[in-house]
Amino acid sequence: MSDEVTDPGAAAPEPGASPEQQVIEAATKLEAARAAIRTAVVGQDALVDEVLIGFLAGGHVLIEGVPGLGKTLLVLALSRVVGGTFARIQFTPDLMPSDVTGHAMYDQSTSQFRIRKGPAFANFLLADEINRAPAKTQSALLEVMQEQQITIEGEAFALDPPFMTLATQNPLEQEGTYPLPEAQLDRFLLKVNVDYPDEAREIGIVRAVTGGRIGNDLDVSKVARVLSIAEARALQQLTASILVDDRVLEYAVRVCRATRGGHGIALGAGPRGSIALVRAARAAAVLEGRAFVLPDDIKLVAAPVLRHRIALAPELEIEGLRADDALRSVLDSVEAPRQ
């Protein structure tokens, strides 16, 4: 991959510019990143935007969908756009925690132990079918996702930012899987559901994938590098500084609190849900080129932020309702602040 960064017509946000101008320049850069990713990932525009929201907010994303919908390809494309390092772990029942983080090994040539770093030492980590490994192995990611460091034999190794974990799981297969514990789920900023594409988009996918390719190779060779690592960090810092009016922040908290004891909800979201709502809403505002958060941004990100942080009552599950249905009722019941 070339170290040259493509110029989509706008430089990285200048620190001396006004917040509004910085966000406009960032949105232009992000639009170029969107376009670059879409050269490889066809027909999943909503998925691309939600993963970019997670990236801008410095969070991790859990992607749920049946195989073959472009989840792995998206992560590969994102790592090329940013110019970061990429690693993939195929989670299986026999995977050990040291296979994720690394371990100490004895070097006979030096008669000393040395650290062999695992695949988690990357900018973009794809945890494929994460629910196929037991809880002990899943928990190996807890420290790195929360603190962005890995401890091996008592020595802590800080990861180079940006660091993002994207985990996938199949919602249909239950045999041989281990449900993610609540503490693990709560570490994911977003849970994204990937649905089947419509007919027109599926035709586009088949045309793009079968045109001149051999087998099922994941072709990201045409994905241009749009951002440098330094620019990616600057975008995350800019996102964290986006203005959130007190009324909008209080609205996010009310939405989260309404899930506790809401109709059909057995377990509501904790305070980390309120924090995640604000973080993700800031990222959504940056994608739209705004230097401030609107109540509509909270509504936009509410489902991916909260759907994995609530548990439905058994009677709703029997009726075939989903977490998104309960969250829509919550949003309808909480009055949004007026402009």
C-alpha atoms as a PDB file:
ATOM      1  CA  MET A   1       0.000   0.000   0.000  1.00  0.00           C
ATOM      2  CA  SER A   2       1.338   3.394  -0.963  1.00  0.00           C
ATOM      3  CA  ASP A   3       2.142   5.932   1.737  1.00  0.00           C
ATOM      4  CA  GLU A   4       0.800   8.725  -0.435  1.00  0.00           C
ATOM      5  CA  VAL A   5      -2.486  10.182   0.758  1.00  0.00           C
ATOM      6  CA  THR A   6      -4.977  11.089  -1.932  1.00  0.00           C
ATOM      7  CA  ASP A   7      -6.216  14.674  -1.984  1.00  0.00           C
ATOM      8  CA  PRO A   8     -10.020  14.757  -2.312  1.00  0.00           C
ATOM      9  CA  GLY A   9     -10.029  18.528  -2.535  1.00  0.00           C
ATOM     10  CA  ALA A  10      -9.628  19.442   1.127  1.00  0.00           C
ATOM     11  CA  ALA A  11      -6.778  19.325   3.566  1.00  0.00           C
ATOM     12  CA  ALA A  12      -6.967  18.012   7.092  1.00  0.00           C
ATOM     13  CA  PRO A  13      -8.761  20.322   9.530  1.00  0.00           C
ATOM     14  CA  GLU A  14      -6.490  23.251  10.395  1.00  0.00           C
ATOM     15  CA  PRO A  15      -6.126  23.758  14.172  1.00  0.00           C
ATOM     16  CA  GLY A  16      -6.262  27.549  13.767  1.00  0.00           C
ATOM     17  CA  ALA A  17      -9.552  27.531  11.844  1.00  0.00           C
ATOM     18  CA  SER A  18     -12.925  28.153  13.475  1.00  0.00           C
ATOM     19  CA  PRO A  19     -14.787  25.089  14.796  1.00  0.00           C
ATOM     20  CA  GLU A  20     -17.329  25.416  11.989  1.00  0.00           C
ATOM     21  CA  GLN A  21     -14.619  25.511   9.319  1.00  0.00           C
ATOM     22  CA  GLN A  22     -12.780  22.581  10.890  1.00  0.00           C
ATOM     23  CA  VAL A  23     -15.952  20.478  10.823  1.00  0.00           C
ATOM     24  CA  ILE A  24     -16.710  21.422   7.201  1.00  0.00           C
ATOM     25  CA  GLU A  25     -13.197  20.380   6.173  1.00  0.00           C
ATOM     26  CA  ALA A  26     -13.530  17.172   8.193  1.00  0.00           C
ATOM     27  CA  ALA A  27     -16.873  16.338   6.545  1.00  0.00           C
ATOM     28  CA  THR A  28     -15.295  16.812   3.108  1.00  0.00           C
ATOM     29  CA  LYS A  29     -12.476  14.453   4.030  1.00  0.00           C
ATOM     30  CA  LEU A  30     -14.951  11.930   5.434  1.00  0.00           C
ATOM     31  CA  GLU A  31     -17.051  12.066   2.275  1.00  0.00           C
ATOM     32  CA  ALA A  32     -13.919  11.095   0.359  1.00  0.00           C
ATOM     33  CA  ALA A  33     -13.405   8.237   2.830  1.00  0.00           C
ATOM     34  CA  ARG A  34     -16.993   7.111   2.278  1.00  0.00           C
ATOM     35  CA  ALA A  35     -16.494   7.132  -1.484  1.00  0.00           C
ATOM     36  CA  ALA A  36     -13.240   5.193  -1.202  1.00  0.00           C
ATOM     37  CA  ILE A  37     -14.809   2.491   0.983  1.00  0.00           C
ATOM     38  CA  ARG A  38     -17.785   2.195  -1.367  1.00  0.00           C
ATOM     39  CA  THR A  39     -15.491   1.277  -4.240  1.00  0.00           C
ATOM     40  CA  ALA A  40     -15.091  -2.072  -2.456  1.00  0.00           C
ATOM     41  CA  VAL A  41     -18.230  -2.331  -0.306  1.00  0.00           C
ATOM     42  CA  VAL A  42     -21.288  -2.156  -2.538  1.00  0.00           C
ATOM     43  CA  GLY A  43     -24.852  -1.730  -1.330  1.00  0.00           C
ATOM     44  CA  GLN A  44     -24.145  -1.246   2.403  1.00  0.00           C
ATOM     45  CA  ASP A  45     -24.174   2.546   2.721  1.00  0.00           C
ATOM     46  CA  ALA A  46     -25.871   2.549   6.142  1.00  0.00           C
ATOM     47  CA  LEU A  47     -23.315   0.052   7.471  1.00  0.00           C
ATOM     48  CA  VAL A  48     -20.442   2.206   6.183  1.00  0.00           C
ATOM     49  CA  ASP A  49     -21.842   5.307   7.916  1.00  0.00           C
ATOM     50  CA  GLU A  50     -22.429   3.537  11.227  1.00  0.00           C
ATOM     51  CA  VAL A  51     -18.911   2.101  11.274  1.00  0.00           C
ATOM     52  CA  LEU A  52     -17.505   5.563  10.485  1.00  0.00           C
ATOM     53  CA  ILE A  53     -19.543   6.953  13.405  1.00  0.00           C
ATOM     54  CA  GLY A  54     -17.980   4.339  15.666  1.00  0.00           C
ATOM     55  CA  PHE A  55     -14.519   5.175  14.361  1.00  0.00           C
ATOM     56  CA  LEU A  56     -14.917   8.939  14.796  1.00  0.00           C
ATOM     57  CA  ALA A  57     -16.192   8.452  18.338  1.00  0.00           C
ATOM     58  CA  GLY A  58     -13.226   6.228  19.177  1.00  0.00           C
ATOM     59  CA  GLY A  59     -15.532   3.310  19.899  1.00  0.00           C
ATOM     60  CA  HIS A  60     -15.878  -0.340  18.975  1.00  0.00           C
ATOM     61  CA  VAL A  61     -18.601  -1.857  16.802  1.00  0.00           C
ATOM     62  CA  LEU A  62     -20.400  -5.200  17.008  1.00  0.00           C
ATOM     63  CA  ILE A  63     -21.793  -6.200  13.607  1.00  0.00           C
ATOM     64  CA  GLU A  64     -24.556  -8.787  13.517  1.00  0.00           C
ATOM     65  CA  GLY A  65     -25.613 -10.369  10.260  1.00  0.00           C
ATOM     66  CA  VAL A  66     -25.606 -13.567   8.248  1.00  0.00           C
ATOM     67  CA  PRO A  67     -22.408 -14.474   6.368  1.00  0.00           C
ATOM     68  CA  GLY A  68     -21.695 -12.940   2.990  1.00  0.00           C
ATOM     69  CA  LEU A  69     -22.884  -9.363   3.576  1.00  0.00           C
ATOM     70  CA  GLY A  70     -19.483  -7.664   3.324  1.00  0.00           C
ATOM     71  CA  LYS A  71     -18.545  -7.318   7.000  1.00  0.00           C
ATOM     72  CA  THR A  72     -14.924  -8.451   6.597  1.00  0.00           C
ATOM     73  CA  LEU A  73     -14.501  -6.493   3.381  1.00  0.00           C
ATOM     74  CA  LEU A  74     -15.653  -3.313   5.116  1.00  0.00           C
ATOM     75  CA  VAL A  75     -13.015  -3.608   7.853  1.00  0.00           C
ATOM     76  CA  LEU A  76     -10.288  -4.228   5.282  1.00  0.00           C
ATOM     77  CA  ALA A  77     -11.415  -1.203   3.277  1.00  0.00           C
ATOM     78  CA  LEU A  78     -11.521   1.034   6.363  1.00  0.00           C
ATOM     79  CA  SER A  79      -7.974   0.062   7.338  1.00  0.00           C
ATOM     80  CA  ARG A  80      -6.745   0.958   3.838  1.00  0.00           C
ATOM     81  CA  VAL A  81      -8.552   4.313   3.855  1.00  0.00           C
ATOM     82  CA  VAL A  82      -6.836   5.268   7.110  1.00  0.00           C
ATOM     83  CA  GLY A  83      -3.541   3.597   6.298  1.00  0.00           C
ATOM     84  CA  GLY A  84      -3.593   1.659   9.558  1.00  0.00           C
ATOM     85  CA  THR A  85      -2.588  -1.886  10.391  1.00  0.00           C
ATOM     86  CA  PHE A  86      -5.205  -4.633  10.160  1.00  0.00           C
ATOM     87  CA  ALA A  87      -5.498  -7.984  11.917  1.00  0.00           C
ATOM     88  CA  ARG A  88      -8.166 -10.634  11.827  1.00  0.00           C
ATOM     89  CA  ILE A  89      -8.919 -13.291  14.433  1.00  0.00           C
ATOM     90  CA  GLN A  90     -11.240 -16.155  13.548  1.00  0.00           C
ATOM     91  CA  PHE A  91     -12.857 -16.988  16.883  1.00  0.00           C
ATOM     92  CA  THR A  92     -13.305 -20.719  17.484  1.00  0.00           C
ATOM     93  CA  PRO A  93     -14.118 -22.819  20.587  1.00  0.00           C
ATOM     94  CA  ASP A  94     -10.449 -23.803  21.007  1.00  0.00           C
ATOM     95  CA  LEU A  95      -9.071 -20.255  20.735  1.00  0.00           C
ATOM     96  CA  MET A  96      -7.013 -19.268  23.786  1.00  0.00           C
ATOM     97  CA  PRO A  97      -6.687 -15.761  25.307  1.00  0.00           C
ATOM     98  CA  SER A  98      -2.971 -15.760  24.443  1.00  0.00           C
ATOM     99  CA  ASP A  99      -3.920 -16.287  20.790  1.00  0.00           C
ATOM    100  CA  VAL A 100      -5.548 -12.852  20.948  1.00  0.00           C
ATOM    101  CA  THR A 101      -3.191 -10.800  23.096  1.00  0.00           C
ATOM    102  CA  GLY A 102       0.127 -12.606  22.778  1.00  0.00           C
ATOM    103  CA  HIS A 103       2.361 -14.394  25.260  1.00  0.00           C
ATOM    104  CA  ALA A 104       5.871 -14.698  26.663  1.00  0.00           C
ATOM    105  CA  MET A 105       8.068 -17.310  25.013  1.00  0.00           C
ATOM    106  CA  TYR A 106      11.517 -18.634  25.841  1.00  0.00           C
ATOM    107  CA  ASP A 107      14.204 -17.716  23.324  1.00  0.00           C
ATOM    108  CA  GLN A 108      16.874 -20.421  23.405  1.00  0.00           C
ATOM    109  CA  SER A 109      19.352 -18.271  21.477  1.00  0.00           C
ATOM    110  CA  THR A 110      19.401 -15.615  24.213  1.00  0.00           C
ATOM    111  CA  SER A 111      18.295 -17.811  27.144  1.00  0.00           C
ATOM    112  CA  GLN A 112      15.674 -15.177  27.933  1.00  0.00           C
ATOM    113  CA  PHE A 113      11.931 -14.801  27.693  1.00  0.00           C
ATOM    114  CA  ARG A 114      10.625 -12.420  25.052  1.00  0.00           C
ATOM    115  CA  ILE A 115       7.145 -11.155  24.311  1.00  0.00           C
ATOM    116  CA  ARG A 116       5.383 -12.388  21.220  1.00  0.00           C
ATOM    117  CA  LYS A 117       2.674  -9.848  20.479  1.00  0.00           C
ATOM    118  CA  GLY A 118      -0.673 -11.161  19.329  1.00  0.00           C
ATOM    119  CA  PRO A 119      -2.983  -9.890  16.565  1.00  0.00           C
ATOM    120  CA  ALA A 120      -4.667  -7.441  18.953  1.00  0.00           C
ATOM    121  CA  PHE A 121      -1.661  -5.148  18.419  1.00  0.00           C
ATOM    122  CA  ALA A 122      -3.197  -3.433  15.393  1.00  0.00           C
ATOM    123  CA  ASN A 123      -5.156  -0.296  14.536  1.00  0.00           C
ATOM    124  CA  PHE A 124      -8.143  -2.260  13.244  1.00  0.00           C
ATOM    125  CA  LEU A 125      -8.937  -5.629  14.772  1.00  0.00           C
ATOM    126  CA  LEU A 126     -11.584  -7.852  13.209  1.00  0.00           C
ATOM    127  CA  ALA A 127     -12.939 -10.395  15.705  1.00  0.00           C
ATOM    128  CA  ASP A 128     -14.767 -12.683  13.320  1.00  0.00           C
ATOM    129  CA  GLU A 129     -17.666 -14.693  14.813  1.00  0.00           C
ATOM    130  CA  ILE A 130     -16.709 -13.566  18.304  1.00  0.00           C
ATOM    131  CA  ASN A 131     -19.496 -15.583  19.914  1.00  0.00           C
ATOM    132  CA  ARG A 132     -17.902 -18.880  18.829  1.00  0.00           C
ATOM    133  CA  ALA A 133     -15.207 -18.598  21.511  1.00  0.00           C
ATOM    134  CA  PRO A 134     -15.887 -19.197  25.238  1.00  0.00           C
ATOM    135  CA  ALA A 135     -16.189 -16.311  27.679  1.00  0.00           C
ATOM    136  CA  LYS A 136     -12.591 -16.682  28.895  1.00  0.00           C
ATOM    137  CA  THR A 137     -11.257 -15.908  25.425  1.00  0.00           C
ATOM    138  CA  GLN A 138     -13.824 -13.193  24.767  1.00  0.00           C
ATOM    139  CA  SER A 139     -12.754 -11.488  27.995  1.00  0.00           C
ATOM    140  CA  ALA A 140      -9.200 -11.210  26.655  1.00  0.00           C
ATOM    141  CA  LEU A 141     -10.485  -8.252  24.666  1.00  0.00           C
ATOM    142  CA  LEU A 142     -11.951  -6.413  27.665  1.00  0.00           C
ATOM    143  CA  GLU A 143      -8.748  -4.671  28.716  1.00  0.00           C
ATOM    144  CA  VAL A 144      -7.676  -3.717  25.215  1.00  0.00           C
ATOM    145  CA  MET A 145     -11.139  -2.375  24.293  1.00  0.00           C
ATOM    146  CA  GLN A 146     -11.546  -0.339  27.463  1.00  0.00           C
ATOM    147  CA  GLU A 147      -8.007   0.845  28.213  1.00  0.00           C
ATOM    148  CA  GLN A 148      -6.267   0.377  24.848  1.00  0.00           C
ATOM    149  CA  GLN A 149      -3.474  -1.580  26.459  1.00  0.00           C
ATOM    150  CA  ILE A 150      -2.538  -5.238  26.786  1.00  0.00           C
ATOM    151  CA  THR A 151      -0.928  -6.819  29.829  1.00  0.00           C
ATOM    152  CA  ILE A 152       1.340  -9.816  29.229  1.00  0.00           C
ATOM    153  CA  GLU A 153       3.154 -11.431  32.131  1.00  0.00           C
ATOM    154  CA  GLY A 154       2.516  -8.362  34.281  1.00  0.00           C
ATOM    155  CA  GLU A 155       3.895  -5.892  31.724  1.00  0.00           C
ATOM    156  CA  ALA A 156       1.462  -3.383  30.175  1.00  0.00           C
ATOM    157  CA  PHE A 157       1.838  -2.498  26.501  1.00  0.00           C
ATOM    158  CA  ALA A 158      -0.020   0.597  25.264  1.00  0.00           C
ATOM    159  CA  LEU A 159      -1.504   0.372  21.778  1.00  0.00           C
ATOM    160  CA  ASP A 160      -0.858   3.019  19.164  1.00  0.00           C
ATOM    161  CA  PRO A 161      -4.060   4.974  18.476  1.00  0.00           C
ATOM    162  CA  PRO A 162      -6.372   4.822  16.733  1.00  0.00           C
ATOM    163  CA  PHE A 163      -7.506   1.388  17.882  1.00  0.00           C
ATOM    164  CA  MET A 164     -10.853  -0.077  16.913  1.00  0.00           C
ATOM    165  CA  THR A 165     -12.346  -3.527  17.386  1.00  0.00           C
ATOM    166  CA  LEU A 166     -15.009  -4.648  14.954  1.00  0.00           C
ATOM    167  CA  ALA A 167     -16.597  -7.941  15.952  1.00  0.00           C
ATOM    168  CA  THR A 168     -19.053  -9.983  13.937  1.00  0.00           C
ATOM    169  CA  GLN A 169     -21.574 -12.573  14.965  1.00  0.00           C
ATOM    170  CA  ASN A 170     -24.191 -14.647  13.169  1.00  0.00           C
ATOM    171  CA  PRO A 171     -27.672 -14.126  14.680  1.00  0.00           C
ATOM    172  CA  LEU A 172     -29.090 -17.400  13.377  1.00  0.00           C
ATOM    173  CA  GLU A 173     -26.689 -20.140  14.430  1.00  0.00           C
ATOM    174  CA  GLN A 174     -26.870 -20.966  18.140  1.00  0.00           C
ATOM    175  CA  GLU A 175     -25.150 -24.369  18.210  1.00  0.00           C
ATOM    176  CA  GLY A 176     -21.546 -24.086  19.358  1.00  0.00           C
ATOM    177  CA  THR A 177     -21.829 -20.414  20.290  1.00  0.00           C
ATOM    178  CA  TYR A 178     -21.348 -18.584  23.581  1.00  0.00           C
ATOM    179  CA  PRO A 179     -23.463 -15.461  24.192  1.00  0.00           C
ATOM    180  CA  LEU A 180     -21.373 -12.392  24.920  1.00  0.00           C
ATOM    181  CA  PRO A 181     -21.483 -11.418  28.616  1.00  0.00           C
ATOM    182  CA  GLU A 182     -23.096  -8.104  29.486  1.00  0.00           C
ATOM    183  CA  ALA A 183     -19.752  -6.545  30.431  1.00  0.00           C
ATOM    184  CA  GLN A 184     -18.391  -7.426  26.980  1.00  0.00           C
ATOM    185  CA  LEU A 185     -21.446  -6.097  25.144  1.00  0.00           C
ATOM    186  CA  ASP A 186     -21.267  -2.829  27.060  1.00  0.00           C
ATOM    187  CA  ARG A 187     -17.754  -2.197  25.701  1.00  0.00           C
ATOM    188  CA  PHE A 188     -19.151  -1.887  22.176  1.00  0.00           C
ATOM    189  CA  LEU A 189     -20.233   1.644  21.357  1.00  0.00           C
ATOM    190  CA  LEU A 190     -22.585   0.407  18.634  1.00  0.00           C
ATOM    191  CA  LYS A 191     -24.302  -2.789  17.643  1.00  0.00           C
ATOM    192  CA  VAL A 192     -25.055  -2.688  13.945  1.00  0.00           C
ATOM    193  CA  ASN A 193     -27.557  -5.014  12.290  1.00  0.00           C
ATOM    194  CA  VAL A 194     -26.761  -5.868   8.671  1.00  0.00           C
ATOM    195  CA  ASP A 195     -29.782  -6.822   6.588  1.00  0.00           C
ATOM    196  CA  TYR A 196     -30.007  -8.360   3.151  1.00  0.00           C
ATOM    197  CA  PRO A 197     -29.655  -5.794   0.348  1.00  0.00           C
ATOM    198  CA  ASP A 198     -32.600  -5.051  -1.903  1.00  0.00           C
ATOM    199  CA  GLU A 199     -32.694  -6.557  -5.407  1.00  0.00           C
ATOM    200  CA  ALA A 200     -31.100  -3.599  -7.198  1.00  0.00           C
ATOM    201  CA  ARG A 201     -28.205  -3.419  -4.745  1.00  0.00           C
ATOM    202  CA  GLU A 202     -27.699  -7.185  -4.815  1.00  0.00           C
ATOM    203  CA  ILE A 203     -27.426  -7.053  -8.595  1.00  0.00           C
ATOM    204  CA  GLY A 204     -24.771  -4.356  -8.180  1.00  0.00           C
ATOM    205  CA  ILE A 205     -22.896  -6.493  -5.640  1.00  0.00           C
ATOM    206  CA  VAL A 206     -22.894  -9.563  -7.889  1.00  0.00           C
ATOM    207  CA  ARG A 207     -21.762  -7.494 -10.876  1.00  0.00           C
ATOM    208  CA  ALA A 208     -18.915  -5.912  -8.897  1.00  0.00           C
ATOM    209  CA  VAL A 209     -17.695  -9.122  -7.262  1.00  0.00           C
ATOM    210  CA  THR A 210     -17.824 -11.375 -10.358  1.00  0.00           C
ATOM    211  CA  GLY A 211     -16.270  -8.905 -12.776  1.00  0.00           C
ATOM    212  CA  GLY A 212     -12.823 -10.253 -13.631  1.00  0.00           C
ATOM    213  CA  ARG A 213     -12.157 -11.854 -10.250  1.00  0.00           C
ATOM    214  CA  ILE A 214     -11.067 -15.380  -9.448  1.00  0.00           C
ATOM    215  CA  GLY A 215     -12.817 -17.127  -6.580  1.00  0.00           C
ATOM    216  CA  ASN A 216     -14.089 -15.184  -3.596  1.00  0.00           C
ATOM    217  CA  ASP A 217     -11.085 -12.915  -3.041  1.00  0.00           C
ATOM    218  CA  LEU A 218     -11.703  -9.737  -1.055  1.00  0.00           C
ATOM    219  CA  ASP A 219     -10.460  -7.073  -3.450  1.00  0.00           C
ATOM    220  CA  VAL A 220      -9.553  -3.781  -1.768  1.00  0.00           C
ATOM    221  CA  SER A 221      -6.810  -2.866  -4.226  1.00  0.00           C
ATOM    222  CA  LYS A 222      -8.833   0.053  -5.611  1.00  0.00           C
ATOM    223  CA  VAL A 223      -9.515   1.568  -2.181  1.00  0.00           C
ATOM    224  CA  ALA A 224      -7.520   4.798  -1.978  1.00  0.00           C
ATOM    225  CA  ARG A 225      -5.802   5.968   1.172  1.00  0.00           C
ATOM    226  CA  VAL A 226      -7.594   9.166   2.159  1.00  0.00           C
ATOM    227  CA  LEU A 227      -6.377   9.760   5.708  1.00  0.00           C
ATOM    228  CA  SER A 228      -3.095   9.419   7.497  1.00  0.00           C
ATOM    229  CA  ILE A 229      -2.935   8.027  11.020  1.00  0.00           C
ATOM    230  CA  ALA A 230      -2.283  11.553  12.327  1.00  0.00           C
ATOM    231  CA  GLU A 231      -5.313  12.898  10.464  1.00  0.00           C
ATOM    232  CA  ALA A 232      -7.458  10.079  11.832  1.00  0.00           C
ATOM    233  CA  ARG A 233      -6.445  10.980  15.375  1.00  0.00           C
ATOM    234  CA  ALA A 234      -7.165  14.655  14.680  1.00  0.00           C
ATOM    235  CA  LEU A 235     -10.650  13.764  13.418  1.00  0.00           C
ATOM    236  CA  GLN A 236     -11.357  11.810  16.595  1.00  0.00           C
ATOM    237  CA  GLN A 237     -10.159  14.725  18.728  1.00  0.00           C
ATOM    238  CA  LEU A 238     -12.333  17.119  16.719  1.00  0.00           C
ATOM    239  CA  THR A 239     -15.347  14.842  17.203  1.00  0.00           C
ATOM    240  CA  ALA A 240     -14.797  14.818  20.964  1.00  0.00           C
ATOM    241  CA  SER A 241     -14.908  18.646  21.002  1.00  0.00           C
ATOM    242  CA  ILE A 242     -18.240  19.016  19.159  1.00  0.00           C
ATOM    243  CA  LEU A 243     -20.667  21.233  21.058  1.00  0.00           C
ATOM    244  CA  VAL A 244     -23.489  19.493  22.910  1.00  0.00           C
ATOM    245  CA  ASP A 245     -26.068  21.883  24.353  1.00  0.00           C
ATOM    246  CA  ASP A 246     -27.179  21.073  27.894  1.00  0.00           C
ATOM    247  CA  ARG A 247     -30.736  20.480  26.697  1.00  0.00           C
ATOM    248  CA  VAL A 248     -29.557  17.940  24.124  1.00  0.00           C
ATOM    249  CA  LEU A 249     -27.342  16.207  26.685  1.00  0.00           C
ATOM    250  CA  GLU A 250     -30.248  16.043  29.138  1.00  0.00           C
ATOM    251  CA  TYR A 251     -32.422  14.635  26.343  1.00  0.00           C
ATOM    252  CA  ALA A 252     -29.887  11.839  25.749  1.00  0.00           C
ATOM    253  CA  VAL A 253     -29.945  11.015  29.476  1.00  0.00           C
ATOM    254  CA  ARG A 254     -33.766  10.998  29.557  1.00  0.00           C
ATOM    255  CA  VAL A 255     -33.881   8.625  26.580  1.00  0.00           C
ATOM    256  CA  CYS A 256     -31.478   6.256  28.288  1.00  0.00           C
ATOM    257  CA  ARG A 257     -33.298   6.449  31.632  1.00  0.00           C
ATOM    258  CA  ALA A 258     -36.625   5.765  29.891  1.00  0.00           C
ATOM    259  CA  THR A 259     -35.342   2.320  28.942  1.00  0.00           C
ATOM    260  CA  ARG A 260     -35.236   1.430  32.642  1.00  0.00           C
ATOM    261  CA  GLY A 261     -38.666   0.169  33.480  1.00  0.00           C
ATOM    262  CA  GLY A 262     -39.986   0.943  30.011  1.00  0.00           C
ATOM    263  CA  HIS A 263     -42.864  -1.145  28.662  1.00  0.00           C
ATOM    264  CA  GLY A 264     -41.621  -4.547  27.620  1.00  0.00           C
ATOM    265  CA  ILE A 265     -38.029  -3.875  28.718  1.00  0.00           C
ATOM    266  CA  ALA A 266     -36.757  -6.170  31.467  1.00  0.00           C
ATOM    267  CA  LEU A 267     -33.324  -4.563  31.733  1.00  0.00           C
ATOM    268  CA  GLY A 268     -32.579  -0.968  30.781  1.00  0.00           C
ATOM    269  CA  ALA A 269     -29.352   0.735  29.735  1.00  0.00           C
ATOM    270  CA  GLY A 270     -26.927   2.019  32.366  1.00  0.00           C
ATOM    271  CA  PRO A 271     -25.111   5.370  32.470  1.00  0.00           C
ATOM    272  CA  ARG A 272     -22.608   4.115  29.903  1.00  0.00           C
ATOM    273  CA  GLY A 273     -25.535   4.121  27.472  1.00  0.00           C
ATOM    274  CA  SER A 274     -26.091   7.845  28.034  1.00  0.00           C
ATOM    275  CA  ILE A 275     -22.387   8.504  27.474  1.00  0.00           C
ATOM    276  CA  ALA A 276     -22.403   6.419  24.302  1.00  0.00           C
ATOM    277  CA  LEU A 277     -25.429   8.307  22.969  1.00  0.00           C
ATOM    278  CA  VAL A 278     -23.608  11.638  23.249  1.00  0.00           C
ATOM    279  CA  ARG A 279     -20.350  10.279  21.805  1.00  0.00           C
ATOM    280  CA  ALA A 280     -22.071   8.709  18.805  1.00  0.00           C
ATOM    281  CA  ALA A 281     -24.280  11.775  18.237  1.00  0.00           C
ATOM    282  CA  ARG A 282     -21.167  13.965  18.051  1.00  0.00           C
ATOM    283  CA  ALA A 283     -19.774  11.689  15.341  1.00  0.00           C
ATOM    284  CA  ALA A 284     -23.058  11.798  13.434  1.00  0.00           C
ATOM    285  CA  ALA A 285     -22.930  15.598  13.520  1.00  0.00           C
ATOM    286  CA  VAL A 286     -19.379  15.611  12.102  1.00  0.00           C
ATOM    287  CA  LEU A 287     -20.439  13.344   9.247  1.00  0.00           C
ATOM    288  CA  GLU A 288     -23.134  15.913   8.409  1.00  0.00           C
ATOM    289  CA  GLY A 289     -20.677  18.813   8.624  1.00  0.00           C
ATOM    290  CA  ARG A 290     -22.130  20.381  11.778  1.00  0.00           C
ATOM    291  CA  ALA A 291     -20.181  21.700  14.774  1.00  0.00           C
ATOM    292  CA  PHE A 292     -23.069  21.034  17.162  1.00  0.00           C
ATOM    293  CA  VAL A 293     -25.366  18.134  18.044  1.00  0.00           C
ATOM    294  CA  LEU A 294     -29.094  18.162  17.309  1.00  0.00           C
ATOM    295  CA  PRO A 295     -31.780  16.065  19.017  1.00  0.00           C
ATOM    296  CA  ASP A 296     -32.170  14.303  15.662  1.00  0.00           C
ATOM    297  CA  ASP A 297     -28.594  13.047  16.004  1.00  0.00           C
ATOM    298  CA  ILE A 298     -29.571  11.399  19.302  1.00  0.00           C
ATOM    299  CA  LYS A 299     -32.564   9.782  17.607  1.00  0.00           C
ATOM    300  CA  LEU A 300     -30.417   8.625  14.680  1.00  0.00           C
ATOM    301  CA  VAL A 301     -27.914   6.743  16.838  1.00  0.00           C
ATOM    302  CA  ALA A 302     -30.304   5.574  19.569  1.00  0.00           C
ATOM    303  CA  ALA A 303     -30.979   2.127  18.086  1.00  0.00           C
ATOM    304  CA  PRO A 304     -27.363   1.054  17.383  1.00  0.00           C
ATOM    305  CA  VAL A 305     -26.201   2.523  20.703  1.00  0.00           C
ATOM    306  CA  LEU A 306     -28.883   0.999  22.921  1.00  0.00           C
ATOM    307  CA  ARG A 307     -30.153  -2.184  21.253  1.00  0.00           C
ATOM    308  CA  HIS A 308     -27.447  -4.328  22.886  1.00  0.00           C
ATOM    309  CA  ARG A 309     -27.761  -2.564  26.231  1.00  0.00           C
ATOM    310  CA  ILE A 310     -31.374  -3.537  26.917  1.00  0.00           C
ATOM    311  CA  ALA A 311     -33.101  -6.873  27.450  1.00  0.00           C
ATOM    312  CA  LEU A 312     -36.682  -7.459  26.363  1.00  0.00           C
ATOM    313  CA  ALA A 313     -39.316  -8.932  28.621  1.00  0.00           C
ATOM    314  CA  PRO A 314     -40.139 -12.563  27.725  1.00  0.00           C
ATOM    315  CA  GLU A 315     -43.669 -11.678  26.593  1.00  0.00           C
ATOM    316  CA  LEU A 316     -42.346  -9.298  23.923  1.00  0.00           C
ATOM    317  CA  GLU A 317     -39.885 -11.882  22.653  1.00  0.00           C
ATOM    318  CA  ILE A 318     -42.711 -14.421  22.404  1.00  0.00           C
ATOM    319  CA  GLU A 319     -44.656 -11.929  20.292  1.00  0.00           C
ATOM    320  CA  GLY A 320     -41.690 -11.659  17.947  1.00  0.00           C
ATOM    321  CA  LEU A 321     -40.858  -8.036  18.777  1.00  0.00           C
ATOM    322  CA  ARG A 322     -37.277  -6.790  18.701  1.00  0.00           C
ATOM    323  CA  ALA A 323     -35.225  -4.383  20.765  1.00  0.00           C
ATOM    324  CA  ASP A 324     -35.611  -1.766  18.041  1.00  0.00           C
ATOM    325  CA  ASP A 325     -39.394  -1.883  18.428  1.00  0.00           C
ATOM    326  CA  ALA A 326     -39.104  -1.175  22.154  1.00  0.00           C
ATOM    327  CA  LEU A 327     -36.620   1.640  21.516  1.00  0.00           C
ATOM    328  CA  ARG A 328     -38.975   3.291  19.034  1.00  0.00           C
ATOM    329  CA  SER A 329     -41.618   3.364  21.765  1.00  0.00           C
ATOM    330  CA  VAL A 330     -39.084   4.892  24.155  1.00  0.00           C
ATOM    331  CA  LEU A 331     -38.174   7.639  21.668  1.00  0.00           C
ATOM    332  CA  ASP A 332     -41.859   8.383  21.086  1.00  0.00           C
ATOM    333  CA  SER A 333     -42.430   8.728  24.828  1.00  0.00           C
ATOM    334  CA  VAL A 334     -39.550  11.174  25.511  1.00  0.00           C
ATOM    335  CA  GLU A 335     -40.091  14.744  24.367  1.00  0.00           C
ATOM    336  CA  ALA A 336     -37.169  16.176  22.426  1.00  0.00           C
ATOM    337  CA  PRO A 337     -36.020  19.758  23.110  1.00  0.00           C
ATOM    338  CA  ARG A 338     -37.233  22.354  20.644  1.00  0.00           C
ATOM    339  CA  GLN A 339     -34.859  24.480  18.646  1.00  0.00           C
END
